Structures are given as C-alpha cells and as structure tokens.
C-alpha atoms as a PDB file:
ATOM      1  CA  MET A   1     -23.364   5.115  17.931  1.00  0.00           C
ATOM      2  CA  LYS A   2     -25.791   2.525  18.367  1.00  0.00           C
ATOM      3  CA  SER A   3     -25.345  -0.977  19.940  1.00  0.00           C
ATOM      4  CA  ASP A   4     -26.585  -2.516  16.278  1.00  0.00           C
ATOM      5  CA  GLU A   5     -24.220  -0.825  14.399  1.00  0.00           C
ATOM      6  CA  SER A   6     -20.576  -2.140  15.938  1.00  0.00           C
ATOM      7  CA  ASP A   7     -22.267  -6.143  14.676  1.00  0.00           C
ATOM      8  CA  ALA A   8     -22.384  -5.626  11.194  1.00  0.00           C
ATOM      9  CA  PRO A   9     -19.868  -7.288   9.224  1.00  0.00           C
ATOM     10  CA  SER A  10     -17.176  -3.905   7.759  1.00  0.00           C
ATOM     11  CA  VAL A  11     -17.090  -4.361   4.187  1.00  0.00           C
ATOM     12  CA  GLY A  12     -13.690  -3.574   2.660  1.00  0.00           C
ATOM     13  CA  ILE A  13     -12.743  -1.390  -0.005  1.00  0.00           C
ATOM     14  CA  TRP A  14      -9.878  -2.605  -2.227  1.00  0.00           C
ATOM     15  CA  CYS A  15      -7.524  -0.642  -4.746  1.00  0.00           C
ATOM     16  CA  VAL A  16      -4.147  -2.193  -6.738  1.00  0.00           C
ATOM     17  CA  ALA A  17      -1.809  -0.267  -7.639  1.00  0.00           C
ATOM     18  CA  ALA A  18       0.736  -1.251  -9.816  1.00  0.00           C
ATOM     19  CA  ASN A  19       4.013   0.519 -11.865  1.00  0.00           C
ATOM     20  CA  ILE A  20       5.379   0.879 -14.857  1.00  0.00           C
ATOM     21  CA  LYS A  21       8.502  -0.243 -15.910  1.00  0.00           C
ATOM     22  CA  LYS A  22      10.735   2.475 -17.258  1.00  0.00           C
ATOM     23  CA  GLU A  23      12.486   0.059 -19.972  1.00  0.00           C
ATOM     24  CA  HIS A  24      12.054  -4.011 -19.827  1.00  0.00           C
ATOM     25  CA  PRO A  25      13.818  -6.372 -22.373  1.00  0.00           C
ATOM     26  CA  PHE A  26      11.797  -8.100 -25.163  1.00  0.00           C
ATOM     27  CA  GLY A  27      12.339 -10.083 -27.951  1.00  0.00           C
ATOM     28  CA  GLU A  28      14.275 -13.250 -28.307  1.00  0.00           C
ATOM     29  CA  GLY A  29      16.326 -13.226 -25.624  1.00  0.00           C
ATOM     30  CA  GLY A  30      15.879  -9.834 -24.771  1.00  0.00           C
ATOM     31  CA  THR A  31      18.001  -8.655 -26.734  1.00  0.00           C
ATOM     32  CA  GLU A  32      15.509  -5.513 -27.437  1.00  0.00           C
ATOM     33  CA  THR A  33      14.456  -2.942 -24.498  1.00  0.00           C
ATOM     34  CA  LYS A  34      11.368  -1.445 -25.232  1.00  0.00           C
ATOM     35  CA  VAL A  35      10.041   1.757 -22.475  1.00  0.00           C
ATOM     36  CA  GLY A  36       6.344   1.939 -21.055  1.00  0.00           C
ATOM     37  CA  THR A  37       3.898  -0.129 -22.163  1.00  0.00           C
ATOM     38  CA  ARG A  38       1.896   0.133 -25.707  1.00  0.00           C
ATOM     39  CA  LEU A  39      -1.171   2.110 -23.151  1.00  0.00           C
ATOM     40  CA  PHE A  40       0.661   3.607 -20.522  1.00  0.00           C
ATOM     41  CA  ARG A  41       4.644   5.793 -20.205  1.00  0.00           C
ATOM     42  CA  GLY A  42       6.967   3.939 -18.379  1.00  0.00           C
ATOM     43  CA  GLY A  43       7.088   5.374 -14.627  1.00  0.00           C
ATOM     44  CA  THR A  44       3.286   6.152 -14.495  1.00  0.00           C
ATOM     45  CA  LYS A  45       1.952   4.395 -11.912  1.00  0.00           C
ATOM     46  CA  ILE A  46      -2.219   3.522 -11.983  1.00  0.00           C
ATOM     47  CA  TYR A  47      -4.398   2.609  -9.606  1.00  0.00           C
ATOM     48  CA  ILE A  48      -7.383  -0.266 -10.163  1.00  0.00           C
ATOM     49  CA  ALA A  49     -10.231   0.458  -8.403  1.00  0.00           C
ATOM     50  CA  GLY A  50     -13.142  -2.612  -8.766  1.00  0.00           C
ATOM     51  CA  GLN A  51     -16.203  -2.828  -7.719  1.00  0.00           C
ATOM     52  CA  GLN A  52     -16.997  -6.415  -5.574  1.00  0.00           C
ATOM     53  CA  VAL A  53     -19.328  -8.415  -7.393  1.00  0.00           C
ATOM     54  CA  SER A  54     -21.229 -11.487  -5.170  1.00  0.00           C
ATOM     55  CA  ARG A  55     -21.875 -14.647  -6.408  1.00  0.00           C
END
C-alpha cells in the first residue's frame, strides 16, 4: 500500500433491504386483508442498490 492511498477518502456502497409483509390490513377500518403487494409476494426479501449522484 502506498502512503498516499491512505489519505484518499473512502467511497461508501449502500443497499436498502426490505421484507414484504405477508398480510396487511386494507380498506375502510382495516376490515380486509391483502397478501403482499402488487409486485411482490408476501415474505419476499428485496434489495435495492443505488448509485450515488453527485450534485
């Protein structure tokens, strides 16, 4: 490792992780039950990786 490499700022990598609920209340007063979402089945684990945008 060169001495000038330790002075460089580190670049972070991030990822958002989420679990889709198996069942959730829906409708007026939460009287109905829905399973998952329109795009994912209940119990699915999703990862969303992003790219840093410089401003």
